Amino acid sequence: KHCGQCISICPFDAIIEEQKGFTILAGGKEGEDTRFGKVIAEFLSEEEALSITEKCLIIMKEKNTNVSEIIDQEGFEHFKNSLTLDSYSRELTI
């Protein structure tokens, strides 16, 4: 979905790129309980993608755990919504 491959392989140039951007996924896990990450947001600018990534790192640092554990404890929608809160817009210091 939205990988862009069809644009580059169409021999007739019938497909035109309308929108370009980043997709953020979170909550993936490997090991015995393997699962794919879920989409947080699509078609983000580089600045928006970096902002969400920074907020995610801040949340992980504050909770001292990984995203899949946070999602297991709080739920995906709660985690997704927390990435839009201004309370996580402060500087990230590692």
PDB file of N, CA and C in Angstrom:
ATOM      1  N   LYS A   1       0.843  -1.185   0.000  1.00  0.00           N
ATOM      2  CA  LYS A   1       0.000   0.000   0.000  1.00  0.00           C
ATOM      3  C   LYS A   1       0.885   1.242   0.000  1.00  0.00           C
ATOM      4  N   HIS A   2       0.696   2.087  -0.959  1.00  0.00           N
ATOM      5  CA  HIS A   2       1.392   3.374  -1.059  1.00  0.00           C
ATOM      6  C   HIS A   2       2.916   3.241  -1.129  1.00  0.00           C
ATOM      7  N   CYS A   3       3.426   2.186  -1.760  1.00  0.00           N
ATOM      8  CA  CYS A   3       4.881   2.012  -1.799  1.00  0.00           C
ATOM      9  C   CYS A   3       5.532   2.809  -2.921  1.00  0.00           C
ATOM     10  N   GLY A   4       4.765   3.190  -3.939  1.00  0.00           N
ATOM     11  CA  GLY A   4       5.310   3.971  -5.038  1.00  0.00           C
ATOM     12  C   GLY A   4       5.889   3.153  -6.168  1.00  0.00           C
ATOM     13  N   GLN A   5       5.945   1.838  -6.020  1.00  0.00           N
ATOM     14  CA  GLN A   5       6.525   0.989  -7.057  1.00  0.00           C
ATOM     15  C   GLN A   5       5.757   1.078  -8.373  1.00  0.00           C
ATOM     16  N   CYS A   6       4.436   1.200  -8.303  1.00  0.00           N
ATOM     17  CA  CYS A   6       3.633   1.233  -9.525  1.00  0.00           C
ATOM     18  C   CYS A   6       3.998   2.433 -10.397  1.00  0.00           C
ATOM     19  N   ILE A   7       4.377   3.537  -9.784  1.00  0.00           N
ATOM     20  CA  ILE A   7       4.748   4.738 -10.530  1.00  0.00           C
ATOM     21  C   ILE A   7       6.001   4.479 -11.353  1.00  0.00           C
ATOM     22  N   SER A   8       6.973   3.818 -10.762  1.00  0.00           N
ATOM     23  CA  SER A   8       8.249   3.610 -11.450  1.00  0.00           C
ATOM     24  C   SER A   8       8.203   2.502 -12.495  1.00  0.00           C
ATOM     25  N   ILE A   9       7.271   1.562 -12.391  1.00  0.00           N
ATOM     26  CA  ILE A   9       7.259   0.451 -13.349  1.00  0.00           C
ATOM     27  C   ILE A   9       6.186   0.571 -14.429  1.00  0.00           C
ATOM     28  N   CYS A  10       5.302   1.543 -14.350  1.00  0.00           N
ATOM     29  CA  CYS A  10       4.244   1.708 -15.350  1.00  0.00           C
ATOM     30  C   CYS A  10       4.873   2.112 -16.688  1.00  0.00           C
ATOM     31  N   PRO A  11       4.734   1.282 -17.734  1.00  0.00           N
ATOM     32  CA  PRO A  11       5.385   1.578 -19.014  1.00  0.00           C
ATOM     33  C   PRO A  11       4.722   2.725 -19.786  1.00  0.00           C
ATOM     34  N   PHE A  12       3.557   3.148 -19.374  1.00  0.00           N
ATOM     35  CA  PHE A  12       2.824   4.176 -20.109  1.00  0.00           C
ATOM     36  C   PHE A  12       2.788   5.525 -19.392  1.00  0.00           C
ATOM     37  N   ASP A  13       3.478   5.636 -18.277  1.00  0.00           N
ATOM     38  CA  ASP A  13       3.440   6.858 -17.460  1.00  0.00           C
ATOM     39  C   ASP A  13       2.008   7.289 -17.162  1.00  0.00           C
ATOM     40  N   ALA A  14       1.154   6.309 -16.912  1.00  0.00           N
ATOM     41  CA  ALA A  14      -0.264   6.574 -16.660  1.00  0.00           C
ATOM     42  C   ALA A  14      -0.543   6.919 -15.203  1.00  0.00           C
ATOM     43  N   ILE A  15       0.431   6.671 -14.343  1.00  0.00           N
ATOM     44  CA  ILE A  15       0.240   6.933 -12.920  1.00  0.00           C
ATOM     45  C   ILE A  15       1.119   8.113 -12.529  1.00  0.00           C
ATOM     46  N   ILE A  16       0.502   9.104 -11.933  1.00  0.00           N
ATOM     47  CA  ILE A  16       1.216  10.317 -11.549  1.00  0.00           C
ATOM     48  C   ILE A  16       1.288  10.400 -10.027  1.00  0.00           C
ATOM     49  N   GLU A  17       2.474  10.716  -9.535  1.00  0.00           N
ATOM     50  CA  GLU A  17       2.664  10.874  -8.093  1.00  0.00           C
ATOM     51  C   GLU A  17       1.930  12.125  -7.620  1.00  0.00           C
ATOM     52  N   GLU A  18       0.991  11.944  -6.700  1.00  0.00           N
ATOM     53  CA  GLU A  18       0.212  13.065  -6.188  1.00  0.00           C
ATOM     54  C   GLU A  18       0.732  13.565  -4.850  1.00  0.00           C
ATOM     55  N   GLN A  19       1.216  12.643  -4.053  1.00  0.00           N
ATOM     56  CA  GLN A  19       1.614  13.012  -2.702  1.00  0.00           C
ATOM     57  C   GLN A  19       2.835  12.195  -2.312  1.00  0.00           C
ATOM     58  N   LYS A  20       3.761  12.825  -1.624  1.00  0.00           N
ATOM     59  CA  LYS A  20       4.982  12.164  -1.188  1.00  0.00           C
ATOM     60  C   LYS A  20       5.120  12.385   0.304  1.00  0.00           C
ATOM     61  N   GLY A  21       5.617  11.395   1.019  1.00  0.00           N
ATOM     62  CA  GLY A  21       5.808  11.593   2.445  1.00  0.00           C
ATOM     63  C   GLY A  21       6.224  10.325   3.155  1.00  0.00           C
ATOM     64  N   PHE A  22       6.354  10.447   4.452  1.00  0.00           N
ATOM     65  CA  PHE A  22       6.782   9.351   5.309  1.00  0.00           C
ATOM     66  C   PHE A  22       5.586   8.719   6.003  1.00  0.00           C
ATOM     67  N   THR A  23       5.705   7.422   6.285  1.00  0.00           N
ATOM     68  CA  THR A  23       4.715   6.704   7.080  1.00  0.00           C
ATOM     69  C   THR A  23       5.399   6.254   8.362  1.00  0.00           C
ATOM     70  N   ILE A  24       4.766   6.492   9.501  1.00  0.00           N
ATOM     71  CA  ILE A  24       5.296   6.082  10.802  1.00  0.00           C
ATOM     72  C   ILE A  24       4.496   4.884  11.291  1.00  0.00           C
ATOM     73  N   LEU A  25       5.202   3.805  11.627  1.00  0.00           N
ATOM     74  CA  LEU A  25       4.590   2.627  12.229  1.00  0.00           C
ATOM     75  C   LEU A  25       5.200   2.422  13.605  1.00  0.00           C
ATOM     76  N   ALA A  26       4.424   1.853  14.515  1.00  0.00           N
ATOM     77  CA  ALA A  26       4.930   1.616  15.868  1.00  0.00           C
ATOM     78  C   ALA A  26       4.311   0.359  16.448  1.00  0.00           C
ATOM     79  N   GLY A  27       5.034  -0.258  17.359  1.00  0.00           N
ATOM     80  CA  GLY A  27       4.506  -1.392  18.105  1.00  0.00           C
ATOM     81  C   GLY A  27       4.898  -2.749  17.575  1.00  0.00           C
ATOM     82  N   GLY A  28       5.747  -2.787  16.570  1.00  0.00           N
ATOM     83  CA  GLY A  28       6.202  -4.072  16.054  1.00  0.00           C
ATOM     84  C   GLY A  28       7.044  -4.803  17.086  1.00  0.00           C
ATOM     85  N   LYS A  29       7.095  -6.108  16.943  1.00  0.00           N
ATOM     86  CA  LYS A  29       7.805  -6.912  17.939  1.00  0.00           C
ATOM     87  C   LYS A  29       8.340  -8.165  17.267  1.00  0.00           C
ATOM     88  N   GLU A  30       9.513  -8.617  17.699  1.00  0.00           N
ATOM     89  CA  GLU A  30      10.063  -9.863  17.180  1.00  0.00           C
ATOM     90  C   GLU A  30      10.165 -10.890  18.298  1.00  0.00           C
ATOM     91  N   GLY A  31      10.478 -12.104  17.945  1.00  0.00           N
ATOM     92  CA  GLY A  31      10.576 -13.164  18.941  1.00  0.00           C
ATOM     93  C   GLY A  31       9.359 -14.059  18.905  1.00  0.00           C
ATOM     94  N   GLU A  32       9.037 -14.670  20.040  1.00  0.00           N
ATOM     95  CA  GLU A  32       7.898 -15.589  20.106  1.00  0.00           C
ATOM     96  C   GLU A  32       6.572 -14.893  19.834  1.00  0.00           C
ATOM     97  N   ASP A  33       6.439 -13.650  20.260  1.00  0.00           N
ATOM     98  CA  ASP A  33       5.199 -12.893  20.080  1.00  0.00           C
ATOM     99  C   ASP A  33       5.331 -11.890  18.933  1.00  0.00           C
ATOM    100  N   THR A  34       5.830 -12.357  17.797  1.00  0.00           N
ATOM    101  CA  THR A  34       6.067 -11.490  16.652  1.00  0.00           C
ATOM    102  C   THR A  34       4.784 -10.796  16.207  1.00  0.00           C
ATOM    103  N   ARG A  35       4.912  -9.493  15.893  1.00  0.00           N
ATOM    104  CA  ARG A  35       3.786  -8.753  15.315  1.00  0.00           C
ATOM    105  C   ARG A  35       4.328  -7.562  14.528  1.00  0.00           C
ATOM    106  N   PHE A  36       3.546  -7.150  13.556  1.00  0.00           N
ATOM    107  CA  PHE A  36       3.900  -5.989  12.749  1.00  0.00           C
ATOM    108  C   PHE A  36       3.484  -4.715  13.474  1.00  0.00           C
ATOM    109  N   GLY A  37       4.188  -3.642  13.192  1.00  0.00           N
ATOM    110  CA  GLY A  37       3.792  -2.351  13.727  1.00  0.00           C
ATOM    111  C   GLY A  37       2.515  -1.869  13.053  1.00  0.00           C
ATOM    112  N   LYS A  38       1.823  -0.963  13.720  1.00  0.00           N
ATOM    113  CA  LYS A  38       0.599  -0.368  13.172  1.00  0.00           C
ATOM    114  C   LYS A  38       0.895   1.067  12.743  1.00  0.00           C
ATOM    115  N   VAL A  39       0.125   1.540  11.794  1.00  0.00           N
ATOM    116  CA  VAL A  39       0.341   2.877  11.244  1.00  0.00           C
ATOM    117  C   VAL A  39      -0.079   3.954  12.251  1.00  0.00           C
ATOM    118  N   ILE A  40       0.856   4.829  12.555  1.00  0.00           N
ATOM    119  CA  ILE A  40       0.592   5.995  13.401  1.00  0.00           C
ATOM    120  C   ILE A  40       0.107   7.153  12.524  1.00  0.00           C
ATOM    121  N   ALA A  41       0.803   7.388  11.410  1.00  0.00           N
ATOM    122  CA  ALA A  41       0.439   8.474  10.494  1.00  0.00           C
ATOM    123  C   ALA A  41       1.063   8.205   9.126  1.00  0.00           C
ATOM    124  N   GLU A  42       0.428   8.749   8.079  1.00  0.00           N
ATOM    125  CA  GLU A  42       0.923   8.575   6.715  1.00  0.00           C
ATOM    126  C   GLU A  42       1.119   9.922   6.026  1.00  0.00           C
ATOM    127  N   PHE A  43       1.959   9.910   5.016  1.00  0.00           N
ATOM    128  CA  PHE A  43       2.229  11.078   4.175  1.00  0.00           C
ATOM    129  C   PHE A  43       2.669  12.294   4.982  1.00  0.00           C
ATOM    130  N   LEU A  44       3.588  12.067   5.912  1.00  0.00           N
ATOM    131  CA  LEU A  44       4.122  13.157   6.730  1.00  0.00           C
ATOM    132  C   LEU A  44       5.308  13.803   6.032  1.00  0.00           C
ATOM    133  N   SER A  45       5.514  15.074   6.298  1.00  0.00           N
ATOM    134  CA  SER A  45       6.731  15.736   5.838  1.00  0.00           C
ATOM    135  C   SER A  45       7.892  15.209   6.684  1.00  0.00           C
ATOM    136  N   GLU A  46       9.103  15.498   6.254  1.00  0.00           N
ATOM    137  CA  GLU A  46      10.270  15.069   7.028  1.00  0.00           C
ATOM    138  C   GLU A  46      10.235  15.680   8.429  1.00  0.00           C
ATOM    139  N   GLU A  47       9.866  16.939   8.517  1.00  0.00           N
ATOM    140  CA  GLU A  47       9.796  17.625   9.813  1.00  0.00           C
ATOM    141  C   GLU A  47       8.760  16.973  10.730  1.00  0.00           C
ATOM    142  N   GLU A  48       7.582  16.645  10.188  1.00  0.00           N
ATOM    143  CA  GLU A  48       6.532  16.004  10.981  1.00  0.00           C
ATOM    144  C   GLU A  48       6.970  14.618  11.444  1.00  0.00           C
ATOM    145  N   ALA A  49       7.613  13.865  10.553  1.00  0.00           N
ATOM    146  CA  ALA A  49       8.076  12.518  10.901  1.00  0.00           C
ATOM    147  C   ALA A  49       9.126  12.572  12.005  1.00  0.00           C
ATOM    148  N   LEU A  50      10.042  13.513  11.911  1.00  0.00           N
ATOM    149  CA  LEU A  50      11.067  13.656  12.948  1.00  0.00           C
ATOM    150  C   LEU A  50      10.462  14.087  14.275  1.00  0.00           C
ATOM    151  N   SER A  51       9.459  14.938  14.237  1.00  0.00           N
ATOM    152  CA  SER A  51       8.793  15.387  15.461  1.00  0.00           C
ATOM    153  C   SER A  51       8.115  14.218  16.172  1.00  0.00           C
ATOM    154  N   ILE A  52       7.397  13.397  15.428  1.00  0.00           N
ATOM    155  CA  ILE A  52       6.731  12.235  16.024  1.00  0.00           C
ATOM    156  C   ILE A  52       7.762  11.243  16.554  1.00  0.00           C
ATOM    157  N   THR A  53       8.842  11.036  15.809  1.00  0.00           N
ATOM    158  CA  THR A  53       9.898  10.122  16.256  1.00  0.00           C
ATOM    159  C   THR A  53      10.522  10.618  17.556  1.00  0.00           C
ATOM    160  N   GLU A  54      10.771  11.915  17.643  1.00  0.00           N
ATOM    161  CA  GLU A  54      11.346  12.486  18.864  1.00  0.00           C
ATOM    162  C   GLU A  54      10.396  12.310  20.047  1.00  0.00           C
ATOM    163  N   LYS A  55       9.116  12.571  19.843  1.00  0.00           N
ATOM    164  CA  LYS A  55       8.130  12.395  20.912  1.00  0.00           C
ATOM    165  C   LYS A  55       8.077  10.938  21.359  1.00  0.00           C
ATOM    166  N   CYS A  56       8.173  10.026  20.410  1.00  0.00           N
ATOM    167  CA  CYS A  56       8.181   8.596  20.737  1.00  0.00           C
ATOM    168  C   CYS A  56       9.382   8.256  21.616  1.00  0.00           C
ATOM    169  N   LEU A  57      10.545   8.779  21.276  1.00  0.00           N
ATOM    170  CA  LEU A  57      11.748   8.526  22.076  1.00  0.00           C
ATOM    171  C   LEU A  57      11.626   9.110  23.483  1.00  0.00           C
ATOM    172  N   ILE A  58      11.021  10.281  23.595  1.00  0.00           N
ATOM    173  CA  ILE A  58      10.816  10.900  24.911  1.00  0.00           C
ATOM    174  C   ILE A  58       9.907  10.029  25.770  1.00  0.00           C
ATOM    175  N   ILE A  59       8.818   9.551  25.182  1.00  0.00           N
ATOM    176  CA  ILE A  59       7.886   8.681  25.916  1.00  0.00           C
ATOM    177  C   ILE A  59       8.585   7.401  26.356  1.00  0.00           C
ATOM    178  N   MET A  60       9.365   6.789  25.457  1.00  0.00           N
ATOM    179  CA  MET A  60      10.093   5.564  25.808  1.00  0.00           C
ATOM    180  C   MET A  60      11.063   5.818  26.956  1.00  0.00           C
ATOM    181  N   LYS A  61      11.754   6.943  26.914  1.00  0.00           N
ATOM    182  CA  LYS A  61      12.719   7.269  27.970  1.00  0.00           C
ATOM    183  C   LYS A  61      12.011   7.470  29.305  1.00  0.00           C
ATOM    184  N   GLU A  62      10.889   8.216  29.289  1.00  0.00           N
ATOM    185  CA  GLU A  62      10.160   8.479  30.528  1.00  0.00           C
ATOM    186  C   GLU A  62       9.585   7.206  31.135  1.00  0.00           C
ATOM    187  N   LYS A  63       9.123   6.302  30.305  1.00  0.00           N
ATOM    188  CA  LYS A  63       8.499   5.073  30.796  1.00  0.00           C
ATOM    189  C   LYS A  63       9.509   3.932  30.938  1.00  0.00           C
ATOM    190  N   ASN A  64      10.733   4.161  30.462  1.00  0.00           N
ATOM    191  CA  ASN A  64      11.820   3.194  30.574  1.00  0.00           C
ATOM    192  C   ASN A  64      11.448   1.820  29.998  1.00  0.00           C
ATOM    193  N   THR A  65      10.819   1.836  28.829  1.00  0.00           N
ATOM    194  CA  THR A  65      10.459   0.588  28.160  1.00  0.00           C
ATOM    195  C   THR A  65      10.309   0.842  26.665  1.00  0.00           C
ATOM    196  N   ASN A  66      10.036  -0.212  25.911  1.00  0.00           N
ATOM    197  CA  ASN A  66       9.899  -0.061  24.466  1.00  0.00           C
ATOM    198  C   ASN A  66       8.446   0.202  24.065  1.00  0.00           C
ATOM    199  N   VAL A  67       8.252   0.588  22.819  1.00  0.00           N
ATOM    200  CA  VAL A  67       6.927   0.978  22.340  1.00  0.00           C
ATOM    201  C   VAL A  67       5.929  -0.168  22.400  1.00  0.00           C
ATOM    202  N   SER A  68       6.343  -1.378  22.054  1.00  0.00           N
ATOM    203  CA  SER A  68       5.385  -2.493  22.079  1.00  0.00           C
ATOM    204  C   SER A  68       4.862  -2.747  23.490  1.00  0.00           C
ATOM    205  N   GLU A  69       5.706  -2.586  24.499  1.00  0.00           N
ATOM    206  CA  GLU A  69       5.257  -2.748  25.887  1.00  0.00           C
ATOM    207  C   GLU A  69       4.308  -1.622  26.297  1.00  0.00           C
ATOM    208  N   ILE A  70       4.620  -0.405  25.867  1.00  0.00           N
ATOM    209  CA  ILE A  70       3.741   0.729  26.171  1.00  0.00           C
ATOM    210  C   ILE A  70       2.369   0.503  25.548  1.00  0.00           C
ATOM    211  N   ILE A  71       2.346   0.056  24.304  1.00  0.00           N
ATOM    212  CA  ILE A  71       1.076  -0.207  23.619  1.00  0.00           C
ATOM    213  C   ILE A  71       0.317  -1.338  24.302  1.00  0.00           C
ATOM    214  N   ASP A  72       1.018  -2.381  24.739  1.00  0.00           N
ATOM    215  CA  ASP A  72       0.361  -3.481  25.464  1.00  0.00           C
ATOM    216  C   ASP A  72      -0.298  -2.977  26.748  1.00  0.00           C
ATOM    217  N   GLN A  73       0.369  -2.056  27.441  1.00  0.00           N
ATOM    218  CA  GLN A  73      -0.145  -1.554  28.716  1.00  0.00           C
ATOM    219  C   GLN A  73      -1.242  -0.500  28.543  1.00  0.00           C
ATOM    220  N   GLU A  74      -1.075   0.405  27.579  1.00  0.00           N
ATOM    221  CA  GLU A  74      -1.969   1.558  27.471  1.00  0.00           C
ATOM    222  C   GLU A  74      -2.922   1.504  26.286  1.00  0.00           C
ATOM    223  N   GLY A  75      -2.640   0.638  25.338  1.00  0.00           N
ATOM    224  CA  GLY A  75      -3.457   0.559  24.131  1.00  0.00           C
ATOM    225  C   GLY A  75      -2.877   1.395  23.001  1.00  0.00           C
ATOM    226  N   PHE A  76      -3.107   0.931  21.778  1.00  0.00           N
ATOM    227  CA  PHE A  76      -2.537   1.599  20.606  1.00  0.00           C
ATOM    228  C   PHE A  76      -3.069   3.021  20.438  1.00  0.00           C
ATOM    229  N   GLU A  77      -4.375   3.192  20.525  1.00  0.00           N
ATOM    230  CA  GLU A  77      -4.967   4.518  20.310  1.00  0.00           C
ATOM    231  C   GLU A  77      -4.473   5.531  21.340  1.00  0.00           C
ATOM    232  N   HIS A  78      -4.341   5.104  22.586  1.00  0.00           N
ATOM    233  CA  HIS A  78      -3.826   6.007  23.627  1.00  0.00           C
ATOM    234  C   HIS A  78      -2.401   6.434  23.292  1.00  0.00           C
ATOM    235  N   PHE A  79      -1.568   5.470  22.893  1.00  0.00           N
ATOM    236  CA  PHE A  79      -0.189   5.795  22.533  1.00  0.00           C
ATOM    237  C   PHE A  79      -0.158   6.730  21.326  1.00  0.00           C
ATOM    238  N   LYS A  80      -0.940   6.409  20.316  1.00  0.00           N
ATOM    239  CA  LYS A  80      -1.002   7.233  19.102  1.00  0.00           C
ATOM    240  C   LYS A  80      -1.415   8.663  19.443  1.00  0.00           C
ATOM    241  N   ASN A  81      -2.424   8.803  20.280  1.00  0.00           N
ATOM    242  CA  ASN A  81      -2.885  10.136  20.679  1.00  0.00           C
ATOM    243  C   ASN A  81      -1.846  10.877  21.510  1.00  0.00           C
ATOM    244  N   SER A  82      -1.080  10.150  22.318  1.00  0.00           N
ATOM    245  CA  SER A  82      -0.071  10.801  23.157  1.00  0.00           C
ATOM    246  C   SER A  82       1.046  11.418  22.318  1.00  0.00           C
ATOM    247  N   LEU A  83       1.222  10.933  21.095  1.00  0.00           N
ATOM    248  CA  LEU A  83       2.257  11.493  20.225  1.00  0.00           C
ATOM    249  C   LEU A  83       1.883  12.866  19.687  1.00  0.00           C
ATOM    250  N   THR A  84       0.633  13.258  19.836  1.00  0.00           N
ATOM    251  CA  THR A  84       0.205  14.574  19.369  1.00  0.00           C
ATOM    252  C   THR A  84       0.110  15.587  20.503  1.00  0.00           C
ATOM    253  N   LEU A  85       0.337  15.162  21.733  1.00  0.00           N
ATOM    254  CA  LEU A  85       0.254  16.081  22.873  1.00  0.00           C
ATOM    255  C   LEU A  85       1.461  17.008  22.909  1.00  0.00           C
ATOM    256  N   ASP A  86       1.226  18.266  23.202  1.00  0.00           N
ATOM    257  CA  ASP A  86       2.313  19.235  23.303  1.00  0.00           C
ATOM    258  C   ASP A  86       3.205  18.984  24.509  1.00  0.00           C
ATOM    259  N   SER A  87       2.733  18.193  25.462  1.00  0.00           N
ATOM    260  CA  SER A  87       3.546  17.928  26.651  1.00  0.00           C
ATOM    261  C   SER A  87       4.816  17.158  26.309  1.00  0.00           C
ATOM    262  N   TYR A  88       4.858  16.559  25.120  1.00  0.00           N
ATOM    263  CA  TYR A  88       6.054  15.835  24.702  1.00  0.00           C
ATOM    264  C   TYR A  88       6.865  16.615  23.676  1.00  0.00           C
ATOM    265  N   SER A  89       6.721  17.921  23.649  1.00  0.00           N
ATOM    266  CA  SER A  89       7.438  18.719  22.659  1.00  0.00           C
ATOM    267  C   SER A  89       8.723  19.338  23.212  1.00  0.00           C
ATOM    268  N   ARG A  90       9.088  18.979  24.422  1.00  0.00           N
ATOM    269  CA  ARG A  90      10.312  19.542  24.996  1.00  0.00           C
ATOM    270  C   ARG A  90      11.550  18.852  24.412  1.00  0.00           C
ATOM    271  N   GLU A  91      12.699  19.367  24.756  1.00  0.00           N
ATOM    272  CA  GLU A  91      13.955  18.844  24.233  1.00  0.00           C
ATOM    273  C   GLU A  91      14.207  17.405  24.670  1.00  0.00           C
ATOM    274  N   LEU A  92      14.746  16.628  23.762  1.00  0.00           N
ATOM    275  CA  LEU A  92      15.139  15.259  24.064  1.00  0.00           C
ATOM    276  C   LEU A  92      16.601  15.272  24.480  1.00  0.00           C
ATOM    277  N   THR A  93      16.872  14.796  25.685  1.00  0.00           N
ATOM    278  CA  THR A  93      18.254  14.702  26.146  1.00  0.00           C
ATOM    279  C   THR A  93      18.522  13.266  26.539  1.00  0.00           C
ATOM    280  N   ILE A  94      19.484  12.681  25.889  1.00  0.00           N
ATOM    281  CA  ILE A  94      19.812  11.270  26.159  1.00  0.00           C
ATOM    282  C   ILE A  94      21.113  11.208  26.923  1.00  0.00           C
TER     283      ILE A  94
END
